[in-house]
Each structure stands twice: as C-alpha cells, then as structure tokens.
Amino acid sequence: MDAPSARDALPGEASCPICLEYFRDPVSIHCGHHFCRSCIERCWEWPTEGFACPRCRDTAPERSLRPSRELARVLEIARRLSRGEALGTGEEEEEGCQRHREPLEVFCKEDGALLCAICRESRAHRAHTVLPVPEVVREYQGEIQARLQTLKDDRDKLLEFREAEMRRNWEYLEKTEVERQRILSQFQGLRLSLEEHSRHLLARLGDLERDIGKVQEENVTSLTKEISRLDARIQELDEKCRQPARTFLQVTRDNGTEPPGPAGFGATQAREITAAGGTWWSLGVPSTQTVLWMHGIPSGAVTVTLDPSTAHPQLLVAPDGSSVSWKSAQDPPEDGPGPGTDPSVLGREGVTAGRRCWDVQVAPAGSWALGVAREAPESRGESPGSGEWELWSMGLCQGQFWALTSLERIPLFPIRAPGRVRVALDYERGQVAFFDADKRSLIFAFPAASFKGQSVHPWFLVWGEGSRI
C-alpha cells in the first residue's frame, strides 16, 4: 500500500465506532475492541443484561475499561497525516507549479486549484476569485468547524434522546413488573377463594351423602320391620292351617280376596313367587332394588366345602374343609376386610346355574365377610379377593355391618350380629341375598346382576384375633 492509500485508510481504522471520530482517550473493553471512554461510558450507563460490546455484542458480567496508550500515539500520527492532506502538503507542494516551477501561493476558488504567481496572471484565471493559500485554508477550516459543530450538536441531541428513551423503557419495565405482581396476587387470592369454596361444597356434599345414607337406613329398617310382621302373619296362618278342621272352620275367611300382602304395598309392589321347596317374596322398593325374602329352606340347599388351595397363608382351614379361622400368631392387616384384600378362601364347588343357598356359622369375635365371587376367565390362578374377582358379599368389621363388592362398600343399618347367616343365590336372575338364618329375617339383598356364564364360588373372609367361620 502506498502512502496516500495508507493515509486514506487511517481515519477509518482510528475512528470510534460510536461517534465516528478519532478516538478521544481510547480504551479497550473485554472483547478487545476500542472506543472513546466517554462514548462507552454513556452506552453502559443503563445496562440491561450485563455489559455488551456495541460492535460485536459480546457480553461481560462486569465493566472493564483499559487505557490504550499505543493507540493514542498512533492517533496522533493519524491526525498529523490528516492535517497534511488538508493543507495540500505533498509532492506537488514541494515541487511547486509543474509548469512554471514557482511556489503555489494562491488558490482559485472557481477552479479549486493551487496557482503560482505566473498562473495567477494568466488569461484563464484573471477573471476568477483568487485568494492566498493561508486565507483560503482559514476560510474552509471555519466552514468545516461550523459543520462539525452542527454534527456534534446533532449527535449530543441524539444521545440525550437515547438516554431519555432508555429511562422511559426502564420506567415501563418497572410498571410492568408491578402489574405482573398485582395480577399474580389477585390470582392467588382467587385460587384460595376457589379452594375454600370447593371445601365448602365438598362438606355440603358429604352432609348430603350422610342424609341419603340415613334415609336409606330408615327405609331399609322400615321394610325389615314390615317383612318381620309379614313373617309373623305367615307363621300364624301356617299354624291355623295345621289346626283341626273344627277349629279351622271357626276362622272368618275373606271370600274373593287376594292373600294379605305386605302393608303399605300395592299389587304391583309385592308379588309371591312359588318355587320348589319354599316361597320367595320379591318386594319393589323406592330405590328400584329387588329384595328377596326366603320362607323355609329351598331344595337348593347345599353343603359348602372349603378349598385349602385358595386360602391365604394367615388362614387356617379345617382338614375336612368345614371351617376357617384366623391364625392367632399373625397380626391383622391394616386395610381391614373387604374386596381387594387377601385373607379369604373359596368354596370348592362352583355354581353355574339354578338356585343355591347355604348357612354359615360366624363367631362373635373379630371381623368376617361372606358371599360369592365370580371367576373371570382372565383371573384363573389369581388369589380370591384380588381385582380379577367380582364380589357380592356382606360382613362385620369393627362392629359395623357392610355390603361389599369389588368396587365399593355400603354401610348397613345397625343390626344384632347373627349367629348364622344364610346366603341365597339365584344364578339365572343374578340375585344374591343374605338372611339371619335363626330369625329368618332379611339382612341385605344386592340388585340383580349378570354372572356372564362364569362360575360363581362361595367366598369367605376372616380377619382378626378369634375370627372364625
């Protein structure tokens, strides 16, 4: 690169990227770029995320300004070269006028050329405005300084505008943060209010469930009393039927009337179903459940033999399969009896058709449950009471009677613990009912269900010290 080219490149390399002028008090930052100290300090007056380089955008967590003395010396040389070009000092000035070999002392403003005294008097420049070189230099320098001052004023105004804009941005950001906190606080209050309202509604729902349970218990108690009254009436009529003819004929008969039915139920609500070996009553109740009442012992009475291979390790099954008890050496599980627990055993014989019933003697101590379990195809090999067995059962747990299925537990009304429980199963109708075998009174009956053609086994569960079936 020749000297003029080098002089042309120096101003660009020696200028600050921010103010575009020669460096004033040059400093270097973390990335190695150079700036005027005042320029970079103004840029970093309002940092947002660290201290970023205005040229390469590299960011540093801390501000670092290092003076560059070598660059300051180079700048001084650049200023001298720049002034030499403005004054016209060069080879042309040293050689003078190439035509007359005279010093160039004047400047023609029309042609913009340096002239010697002989050229000044030539016809080509005689009518032009010609001034001495120092005067022209001062005139042009004044114009340049005025223009330079205007540019500096414009730059200072833009810097002030930028600082004001950055200040407004920070104010907006602060207001935005305050609004964000306000919105979060409002939503937090709404969430707490909704949670409190949810707890209130759930409490009311719990009260409603208790009221429904109480009404259900009262209805079932009323039905049980009515059934007991009918049972006494039936027994009375049976006794009268067995009286001698002379005594029997003294009874006044209601000619042309139907046999007396349950008090408070019409013909569409109570009907008698005659079966081999006994009579079953089917009562319609407000909850649309079908309650079964068994009078006498049907011909379907069977003897159940327990299957030791299905018994839980905590259970002790008699060798003849007639009883099962809780091993006293073991502690009861925490979950209590019910579907989904293990301390149970199945009857050996399954039922796939017809009507069956069997009586079970229960111990007053501990907890117990009994009923039937439907064997699903996918449940073969599973333990009784697991999620693969569907249950219809009832039992006693800690003084409370429950109706138990694979999915839920239904609390029963308070009754006296029976000594013997009769389990009645009608496979085709899908009906399972439980009776106090000694008092011959209904305890609970499940709504009709479908056994889906699968084998149904008697199911027994004992739990706790002294529990025995």
Protein backbone atom coordinates (compact mmCIF):
# COMPACT_ATOMS: atom_id res chain seq x y z
CA MET A 1 0.00 0.00 0.00
CA ASP A 2 1.45 3.42 -1.00
CA ALA A 3 1.48 6.42 1.31
CA PRO A 4 -1.73 8.11 0.02
CA SER A 5 -3.65 4.84 0.36
CA ALA A 6 -2.35 4.35 3.89
CA ARG A 7 -3.40 7.88 4.78
CA ASP A 8 -6.86 7.23 3.36
CA ALA A 9 -7.26 4.04 5.48
CA LEU A 10 -6.02 5.59 8.72
CA PRO A 11 -9.13 7.72 9.55
CA GLY A 12 -11.45 4.68 9.33
CA GLU A 13 -9.24 2.48 11.50
CA ALA A 14 -8.56 5.25 14.02
CA SER A 15 -12.21 6.28 14.47
CA CYS A 16 -14.53 5.34 17.34
CA PRO A 17 -17.42 3.05 16.11
CA ILE A 18 -19.88 5.10 18.20
CA CYS A 19 -19.05 8.77 17.46
CA LEU A 20 -17.23 8.01 14.16
CA GLU A 21 -14.45 10.46 15.08
CA TYR A 22 -10.84 9.98 16.00
CA PHE A 23 -10.55 8.27 19.37
CA ARG A 24 -10.50 10.60 22.37
CA ASP A 25 -8.95 8.96 25.40
CA PRO A 26 -9.18 5.48 23.77
CA VAL A 27 -9.90 2.45 25.97
CA SER A 28 -10.28 -1.28 25.22
CA ILE A 29 -13.05 -3.49 26.71
CA HIS A 30 -13.35 -7.23 27.48
CA CYS A 31 -13.66 -8.32 23.80
CA GLY A 32 -10.62 -6.27 22.61
CA HIS A 33 -12.49 -3.55 20.70
CA HIS A 34 -11.61 0.12 21.27
CA PHE A 35 -13.93 3.05 22.00
CA CYS A 36 -13.76 6.60 23.37
CA ARG A 37 -14.01 6.44 27.14
CA SER A 38 -16.93 8.90 27.22
CA CYS A 39 -18.78 7.06 24.43
CA ILE A 40 -18.61 3.58 26.03
CA GLU A 41 -19.49 5.01 29.46
CA ARG A 42 -22.64 6.54 28.01
CA CYS A 43 -23.56 3.21 26.36
CA TRP A 44 -23.12 1.35 29.62
CA GLU A 45 -24.94 3.90 31.75
CA TRP A 46 -28.18 1.86 31.56
CA PRO A 47 -27.12 -1.81 31.22
CA THR A 48 -29.94 -4.34 30.77
CA GLU A 49 -28.30 -7.77 30.79
CA GLY A 50 -24.59 -7.41 31.55
CA PHE A 51 -22.19 -5.13 29.61
CA ALA A 52 -22.44 -5.76 25.86
CA CYS A 53 -19.93 -4.60 23.24
CA PRO A 54 -21.68 -2.15 20.82
CA ARG A 55 -19.68 -3.62 17.94
CA CYS A 56 -19.73 -7.45 18.37
CA ARG A 57 -22.45 -7.70 21.09
CA ASP A 58 -20.24 -9.88 23.27
CA THR A 59 -21.46 -9.54 26.89
CA ALA A 60 -19.45 -9.43 30.10
CA PRO A 61 -20.88 -9.62 33.62
CA GLU A 62 -18.63 -6.78 34.86
CA ARG A 63 -17.46 -3.47 33.36
CA SER A 64 -13.81 -3.42 32.25
CA LEU A 65 -12.09 -0.33 30.71
CA ARG A 66 -8.34 -0.49 29.96
CA PRO A 67 -6.50 2.63 28.62
CA SER A 68 -4.77 2.10 25.24
CA ARG A 69 -1.66 4.31 25.15
CA GLU A 70 -0.25 2.73 22.00
CA LEU A 71 -3.44 3.56 20.13
CA ALA A 72 -3.26 7.16 21.40
CA ARG A 73 0.21 7.55 19.88
CA VAL A 74 -0.98 6.09 16.56
CA LEU A 75 -3.89 8.54 16.60
CA GLU A 76 -1.54 11.47 16.95
CA ILE A 77 0.28 10.32 13.84
CA ALA A 78 -3.06 9.94 12.03
CA ARG A 79 -4.08 13.48 12.94
CA ARG A 80 -0.79 14.85 11.57
CA LEU A 81 -1.25 12.98 8.31
CA SER A 82 -4.84 14.23 8.06
CA ARG A 83 -3.79 17.83 8.60
CA GLY A 84 -1.04 17.49 6.00
CA GLU A 85 -3.60 16.40 3.38
CA ALA A 86 -5.94 19.31 4.25
CA LEU A 87 -3.15 21.86 3.78
CA GLY A 88 -2.20 20.35 0.49
CA THR A 89 1.30 19.43 1.61
CA GLY A 90 2.73 16.73 -0.53
CA GLU A 91 4.89 16.14 -3.54
CA GLU A 92 3.02 18.81 -5.51
CA GLU A 93 3.77 21.50 -2.85
CA GLU A 94 7.40 20.51 -2.58
CA GLU A 95 7.86 20.59 -6.38
CA GLY A 96 5.71 23.80 -6.85
CA CYS A 97 3.99 24.53 -10.13
CA GLN A 98 4.90 21.81 -12.60
CA ARG A 99 4.60 24.28 -15.49
CA HIS A 100 6.46 27.36 -14.20
CA ARG A 101 8.44 25.77 -11.32
CA GLU A 102 7.16 28.51 -8.98
CA PRO A 103 5.75 28.15 -5.48
CA LEU A 104 1.98 27.64 -5.25
CA GLU A 105 0.93 30.68 -3.24
CA VAL A 106 -2.69 31.38 -4.25
CA PHE A 107 -5.93 29.37 -4.67
CA CYS A 108 -8.54 29.78 -7.44
CA LYS A 109 -11.99 29.30 -5.88
CA GLU A 110 -13.75 28.85 -9.24
CA ASP A 111 -11.38 26.11 -10.47
CA GLY A 112 -10.45 24.83 -6.98
CA ALA A 113 -6.77 24.72 -7.86
CA LEU A 114 -3.50 25.96 -6.35
CA LEU A 115 -1.73 28.51 -8.59
CA CYS A 116 1.65 30.16 -8.74
CA ALA A 117 2.09 33.89 -9.34
CA ILE A 118 2.53 33.38 -13.10
CA CYS A 119 -0.60 31.18 -13.42
CA ARG A 120 -2.50 33.81 -11.43
CA GLU A 121 -1.85 36.40 -14.13
CA SER A 122 -2.78 34.09 -16.98
CA ARG A 123 -5.91 34.73 -19.03
CA ALA A 124 -7.55 31.54 -17.70
CA HIS A 125 -7.62 32.75 -14.07
CA ARG A 126 -7.50 36.51 -14.47
CA ALA A 127 -11.31 36.95 -14.04
CA HIS A 128 -11.53 34.38 -11.20
CA THR A 129 -11.52 34.97 -7.47
CA VAL A 130 -8.05 34.13 -6.25
CA LEU A 131 -7.01 34.24 -2.60
CA PRO A 132 -3.80 33.49 -0.72
CA VAL A 133 -3.49 29.89 0.45
CA PRO A 134 -3.47 30.65 4.25
CA GLU A 135 -6.63 32.76 3.92
CA VAL A 136 -8.42 30.08 1.94
CA VAL A 137 -7.35 27.46 4.47
CA ARG A 138 -8.74 29.55 7.35
CA GLU A 139 -11.99 30.11 5.46
CA TYR A 140 -12.50 26.44 4.69
CA GLN A 141 -11.45 25.40 8.18
CA GLY A 142 -14.07 27.80 9.60
CA GLU A 143 -16.76 26.24 7.41
CA ILE A 144 -15.67 22.73 8.38
CA GLN A 145 -15.60 23.62 12.07
CA ALA A 146 -19.10 25.10 11.81
CA ARG A 147 -20.34 21.96 10.08
CA LEU A 148 -18.51 19.83 12.60
CA GLN A 149 -20.10 21.72 15.48
CA THR A 150 -23.53 21.23 13.93
CA LEU A 151 -22.90 17.48 13.65
CA LYS A 152 -21.69 17.34 17.26
CA ASP A 153 -24.79 19.19 18.40
CA ASP A 154 -26.98 16.75 16.48
CA ARG A 155 -25.07 13.83 17.99
CA ASP A 156 -25.45 15.22 21.54
CA LYS A 157 -29.18 15.67 21.00
CA LEU A 158 -29.49 12.06 19.79
CA LEU A 159 -27.52 10.83 22.81
CA GLU A 160 -29.83 12.74 25.14
CA PHE A 161 -32.84 11.35 23.30
CA ARG A 162 -31.45 7.82 23.60
CA GLU A 163 -30.83 8.24 27.32
CA ALA A 164 -34.36 9.58 27.80
CA GLU A 165 -35.75 6.67 25.77
CA MET A 166 -33.81 4.13 27.84
CA ARG A 167 -35.01 5.83 31.04
CA ARG A 168 -38.62 5.58 29.84
CA ASN A 169 -38.11 1.92 28.94
CA TRP A 170 -36.88 1.20 32.46
CA GLU A 171 -39.90 3.01 33.88
CA TYR A 172 -42.20 0.93 31.67
CA LEU A 173 -40.42 -2.25 32.74
CA GLU A 174 -40.83 -1.32 36.39
CA LYS A 175 -44.54 -0.60 35.86
CA THR A 176 -44.91 -3.92 34.01
CA GLU A 177 -43.30 -5.80 36.90
CA VAL A 178 -45.60 -4.07 39.40
CA GLU A 179 -48.61 -5.04 37.26
CA ARG A 180 -47.36 -8.63 37.00
CA GLN A 181 -47.08 -8.88 40.77
CA ARG A 182 -50.56 -7.40 41.15
CA ILE A 183 -52.06 -9.93 38.73
CA LEU A 184 -50.29 -12.83 40.45
CA SER A 185 -51.56 -11.61 43.82
CA GLN A 186 -55.12 -11.38 42.51
CA PHE A 187 -55.00 -14.88 41.03
CA GLN A 188 -53.51 -16.23 44.25
CA GLY A 189 -56.44 -14.72 46.14
CA LEU A 190 -58.89 -16.18 43.63
CA ARG A 191 -57.27 -19.61 43.92
CA LEU A 192 -57.52 -19.56 47.71
CA SER A 193 -61.13 -18.42 47.46
CA LEU A 194 -61.95 -21.22 45.00
CA GLU A 195 -60.25 -23.80 47.21
CA GLU A 196 -62.26 -22.59 50.21
CA HIS A 197 -65.46 -22.70 48.14
CA SER A 198 -64.55 -26.22 46.95
CA ARG A 199 -64.05 -27.39 50.54
CA HIS A 200 -67.39 -25.87 51.49
CA LEU A 201 -69.19 -27.60 48.61
CA LEU A 202 -67.50 -30.93 49.38
CA ALA A 203 -68.54 -30.61 53.03
CA ARG A 204 -72.13 -29.98 51.95
CA LEU A 205 -71.93 -32.96 49.60
CA GLY A 206 -70.67 -35.09 52.49
CA ASP A 207 -73.62 -33.95 54.62
CA LEU A 208 -75.96 -34.81 51.76
CA GLU A 209 -74.43 -38.28 51.43
CA ARG A 210 -74.88 -38.86 55.17
CA ASP A 211 -78.50 -37.71 54.94
CA ILE A 212 -79.12 -40.04 52.00
CA GLY A 213 -77.50 -42.91 53.92
CA LYS A 214 -79.66 -42.15 56.94
CA VAL A 215 -82.83 -42.11 54.84
CA GLN A 216 -81.76 -45.36 53.18
CA GLU A 217 -81.15 -46.98 56.56
CA GLU A 218 -84.55 -45.79 57.79
CA ASN A 219 -86.25 -47.15 54.67
CA VAL A 220 -84.49 -50.50 54.96
CA THR A 221 -85.32 -50.65 58.69
CA SER A 222 -88.97 -49.94 57.93
CA LEU A 223 -89.00 -52.63 55.24
CA THR A 224 -87.32 -55.09 57.58
CA LYS A 225 -89.94 -54.46 60.27
CA GLU A 226 -92.72 -54.91 57.72
CA ILE A 227 -91.13 -58.12 56.50
CA SER A 228 -90.90 -59.37 60.10
CA ARG A 229 -94.59 -58.54 60.58
CA LEU A 230 -95.46 -60.46 57.42
CA ASP A 231 -93.31 -63.32 58.59
CA ALA A 232 -95.27 -63.45 61.87
CA ARG A 233 -98.53 -63.28 59.92
CA ILE A 234 -97.45 -66.10 57.61
CA GLN A 235 -96.41 -68.22 60.58
CA GLU A 236 -99.79 -67.54 62.20
CA LEU A 237 -101.61 -68.58 59.03
CA ASP A 238 -99.48 -71.72 58.77
CA GLU A 239 -100.37 -72.64 62.33
CA LYS A 240 -104.06 -72.10 61.62
CA CYS A 241 -103.83 -74.25 58.51
CA ARG A 242 -102.48 -77.08 60.67
CA GLN A 243 -105.38 -76.82 63.17
CA PRO A 244 -108.15 -79.41 63.22
CA ALA A 245 -110.99 -78.84 60.80
CA ARG A 246 -113.46 -77.93 63.51
CA THR A 247 -111.18 -75.22 64.94
CA PHE A 248 -110.04 -74.10 61.48
CA LEU A 249 -113.62 -73.57 60.25
CA GLN A 250 -114.29 -71.18 63.11
CA VAL A 251 -111.97 -68.64 61.38
CA THR A 252 -113.75 -65.99 59.32
CA ARG A 253 -112.48 -66.05 55.69
CA ASP A 254 -112.28 -63.20 53.24
CA ASN A 255 -114.08 -64.69 50.23
CA GLY A 256 -112.98 -63.44 46.80
CA THR A 257 -109.95 -61.53 48.08
CA GLU A 258 -106.26 -61.96 47.47
CA PRO A 259 -103.99 -63.31 50.25
CA PRO A 260 -102.87 -60.49 52.52
CA GLY A 261 -99.71 -58.81 51.24
CA PRO A 262 -97.13 -56.50 52.86
CA ALA A 263 -98.78 -53.49 54.50
CA GLY A 264 -98.33 -50.29 52.53
CA PHE A 265 -97.55 -52.06 49.18
CA GLY A 266 -99.98 -52.49 46.26
CA ALA A 267 -100.34 -55.48 43.99
CA THR A 268 -97.72 -54.04 41.64
CA GLN A 269 -95.24 -53.68 44.52
CA ALA A 270 -95.48 -57.13 46.13
CA ARG A 271 -95.88 -60.48 44.48
CA GLU A 272 -95.34 -64.09 45.59
CA ILE A 273 -93.09 -66.40 43.61
CA THR A 274 -93.58 -70.10 44.34
CA ALA A 275 -90.51 -72.28 43.98
CA ALA A 276 -89.85 -75.92 44.67
CA GLY A 277 -89.43 -76.47 48.35
CA GLY A 278 -90.26 -72.89 49.50
CA THR A 279 -91.69 -69.43 48.81
CA TRP A 280 -89.73 -66.31 47.81
CA TRP A 281 -91.08 -62.77 48.19
CA SER A 282 -89.94 -60.10 45.75
CA LEU A 283 -90.57 -56.55 47.09
CA GLY A 284 -90.41 -53.39 44.98
CA VAL A 285 -88.71 -50.55 46.92
CA PRO A 286 -88.22 -46.87 46.04
CA SER A 287 -84.55 -47.42 45.13
CA THR A 288 -85.64 -49.96 42.45
CA GLN A 289 -83.60 -52.67 44.18
CA THR A 290 -85.10 -56.14 44.36
CA VAL A 291 -85.18 -57.56 47.90
CA LEU A 292 -85.52 -61.34 48.21
CA TRP A 293 -87.27 -62.97 51.14
CA MET A 294 -86.95 -66.74 51.59
CA HIS A 295 -89.54 -68.66 53.61
CA GLY A 296 -88.36 -72.14 54.57
CA ILE A 297 -85.32 -73.88 53.11
CA PRO A 298 -85.42 -74.29 49.30
CA SER A 299 -84.45 -77.51 47.65
CA GLY A 300 -81.22 -75.77 46.52
CA ALA A 301 -79.63 -76.03 49.98
CA VAL A 302 -76.03 -77.25 49.62
CA THR A 303 -73.07 -78.07 51.83
CA VAL A 304 -70.01 -75.98 51.06
CA THR A 305 -66.51 -77.47 51.33
CA LEU A 306 -63.65 -75.00 51.59
CA ASP A 307 -60.75 -75.29 49.14
CA PRO A 308 -57.44 -75.02 51.12
CA SER A 309 -55.51 -74.28 47.89
CA THR A 310 -57.27 -70.90 47.63
CA ALA A 311 -56.74 -69.94 51.31
CA HIS A 312 -54.46 -67.08 52.38
CA PRO A 313 -51.42 -68.10 54.48
CA GLN A 314 -52.89 -66.30 57.50
CA LEU A 315 -55.96 -68.54 57.43
CA LEU A 316 -56.29 -71.99 58.96
CA VAL A 317 -58.69 -74.30 57.07
CA ALA A 318 -60.01 -77.43 58.80
CA PRO A 319 -58.90 -80.74 57.22
CA ASP A 320 -62.48 -81.58 56.23
CA GLY A 321 -62.98 -78.10 54.71
CA SER A 322 -65.88 -77.25 57.02
CA SER A 323 -64.40 -74.18 58.81
CA VAL A 324 -61.75 -71.48 58.53
CA SER A 325 -60.19 -69.34 61.28
CA TRP A 326 -57.57 -66.65 61.77
CA LYS A 327 -54.14 -67.78 62.87
CA SER A 328 -53.59 -66.11 66.23
CA ALA A 329 -49.81 -65.87 65.70
CA GLN A 330 -50.31 -63.36 62.89
CA ASP A 331 -51.30 -59.72 63.18
CA PRO A 332 -54.28 -58.47 61.16
CA PRO A 333 -53.57 -56.34 58.10
CA GLU A 334 -54.12 -52.63 58.35
CA ASP A 335 -56.62 -52.34 55.47
CA GLY A 336 -59.33 -54.43 57.14
CA PRO A 337 -61.59 -56.96 55.40
CA GLY A 338 -63.14 -56.29 52.06
CA PRO A 339 -62.57 -56.72 48.35
CA GLY A 340 -59.01 -56.40 47.21
CA THR A 341 -57.53 -57.98 50.37
CA ASP A 342 -56.08 -61.46 50.72
CA PRO A 343 -57.24 -63.21 53.95
CA SER A 344 -60.05 -65.13 52.17
CA VAL A 345 -60.84 -68.61 50.87
CA LEU A 346 -63.19 -70.01 48.21
CA GLY A 347 -65.62 -72.90 48.27
CA ARG A 348 -64.52 -75.90 46.29
CA GLU A 349 -67.73 -76.27 44.25
CA GLY A 350 -68.74 -73.57 41.79
CA VAL A 351 -72.27 -72.67 40.70
CA THR A 352 -73.15 -72.11 37.03
CA ALA A 353 -76.97 -72.50 37.10
CA GLY A 354 -80.03 -72.80 39.34
CA ARG A 355 -80.70 -71.68 42.91
CA ARG A 356 -78.41 -72.44 45.83
CA CYS A 357 -78.32 -71.47 49.48
CA TRP A 358 -76.05 -72.38 52.39
CA ASP A 359 -75.90 -71.47 56.08
CA VAL A 360 -72.71 -70.13 57.64
CA GLN A 361 -71.99 -70.01 61.36
CA VAL A 362 -69.92 -66.99 62.36
CA ALA A 363 -68.02 -66.22 65.56
CA PRO A 364 -68.90 -63.06 67.55
CA ALA A 365 -65.20 -62.09 67.84
CA GLY A 366 -63.04 -60.46 65.14
CA SER A 367 -64.29 -59.47 61.70
CA TRP A 368 -65.68 -61.58 58.88
CA ALA A 369 -67.27 -61.39 55.44
CA LEU A 370 -69.00 -63.96 53.23
CA GLY A 371 -70.78 -64.11 49.89
CA VAL A 372 -69.97 -65.19 46.34
CA ALA A 373 -67.18 -64.40 43.88
CA ARG A 374 -67.46 -64.57 40.08
CA GLU A 375 -64.47 -66.16 38.41
CA ALA A 376 -63.46 -64.22 35.29
CA PRO A 377 -61.54 -66.05 32.52
CA GLU A 378 -58.52 -63.78 32.92
CA SER A 379 -58.45 -64.33 36.71
CA ARG A 380 -57.58 -68.04 36.75
CA GLY A 381 -54.74 -68.58 39.15
CA GLU A 382 -55.37 -65.25 40.94
CA SER A 383 -55.92 -65.20 44.69
CA PRO A 384 -59.54 -64.73 45.91
CA GLY A 385 -60.41 -61.13 46.63
CA SER A 386 -57.99 -59.77 44.03
CA GLY A 387 -59.04 -57.24 41.43
CA GLU A 388 -59.78 -60.11 38.93
CA TRP A 389 -62.66 -61.46 41.08
CA GLU A 390 -66.03 -59.71 41.24
CA LEU A 391 -67.61 -59.93 44.71
CA TRP A 392 -71.13 -59.82 46.16
CA SER A 393 -70.75 -60.12 49.92
CA MET A 394 -71.58 -58.70 53.35
CA GLY A 395 -69.71 -58.77 56.63
CA LEU A 396 -68.91 -57.31 60.03
CA CYS A 397 -65.88 -55.06 60.59
CA GLN A 398 -65.24 -53.39 63.97
CA GLY A 399 -68.90 -53.51 64.94
CA GLN A 400 -70.22 -52.10 61.62
CA PHE A 401 -72.02 -54.21 59.01
CA TRP A 402 -71.09 -53.62 55.38
CA ALA A 403 -72.30 -54.77 51.99
CA LEU A 404 -69.12 -55.36 49.96
CA THR A 405 -68.44 -55.51 46.23
CA SER A 406 -65.25 -55.34 44.22
CA LEU A 407 -65.74 -51.60 43.78
CA GLU A 408 -67.43 -50.20 46.89
CA ARG A 409 -68.56 -50.72 50.49
CA ILE A 410 -72.14 -49.92 51.53
CA PRO A 411 -72.80 -49.36 55.27
CA LEU A 412 -75.81 -51.32 56.54
CA PHE A 413 -78.27 -50.28 59.25
CA PRO A 414 -77.42 -51.35 62.83
CA ILE A 415 -78.48 -54.93 63.43
CA ARG A 416 -77.70 -57.52 66.04
CA ALA A 417 -74.83 -59.77 64.98
CA PRO A 418 -76.40 -63.03 63.74
CA GLY A 419 -75.12 -66.42 64.83
CA ARG A 420 -75.88 -68.00 61.45
CA VAL A 421 -76.07 -66.25 58.08
CA ARG A 422 -77.90 -67.78 55.13
CA VAL A 423 -76.53 -66.96 51.65
CA ALA A 424 -79.14 -67.31 48.88
CA LEU A 425 -78.04 -67.34 45.22
CA ASP A 426 -80.30 -67.31 42.15
CA TYR A 427 -77.86 -67.68 39.25
CA GLU A 428 -80.28 -67.04 36.37
CA ARG A 429 -81.75 -63.92 38.00
CA GLY A 430 -78.32 -62.72 39.16
CA GLN A 431 -79.63 -62.24 42.70
CA VAL A 432 -77.62 -62.57 45.94
CA ALA A 433 -79.30 -62.11 49.35
CA PHE A 434 -78.29 -62.58 52.99
CA PHE A 435 -80.59 -63.61 55.86
CA ASP A 436 -80.40 -64.14 59.61
CA ALA A 437 -80.90 -67.89 59.49
CA ASP A 438 -82.04 -68.08 63.13
CA LYS A 439 -84.58 -65.22 62.97
CA ARG A 440 -85.39 -65.91 59.29
CA SER A 441 -85.14 -62.19 58.51
CA LEU A 442 -83.55 -60.39 55.59
CA ILE A 443 -80.21 -58.66 56.20
CA PHE A 444 -79.38 -57.33 52.72
CA ALA A 445 -80.05 -58.11 49.03
CA PHE A 446 -77.99 -56.94 46.05
CA PRO A 447 -79.65 -55.60 42.87
CA ALA A 448 -79.90 -58.08 40.03
CA ALA A 449 -76.59 -58.63 38.23
CA SER A 450 -75.26 -60.76 35.39
CA PHE A 451 -72.79 -63.54 36.16
CA LYS A 452 -71.91 -63.73 32.41
CA GLY A 453 -71.97 -67.53 32.34
CA GLN A 454 -68.91 -67.75 34.59
CA SER A 455 -68.54 -70.00 37.59
CA VAL A 456 -69.61 -68.43 40.91
CA HIS A 457 -67.95 -69.76 44.09
CA PRO A 458 -68.85 -69.28 47.75
CA TRP A 459 -66.42 -66.76 49.23
CA PHE A 460 -65.35 -66.33 52.88
CA LEU A 461 -63.05 -63.88 54.67
CA VAL A 462 -61.91 -63.82 58.32
CA TRP A 463 -59.78 -61.11 59.89
CA GLY A 464 -58.50 -60.55 63.42
CA GLU A 465 -57.99 -62.50 66.61
CA GLY A 466 -60.77 -65.03 67.35
CA SER A 467 -62.42 -64.61 63.95
CA ARG A 468 -63.85 -67.89 62.68
CA ILE A 469 -66.38 -69.14 60.08
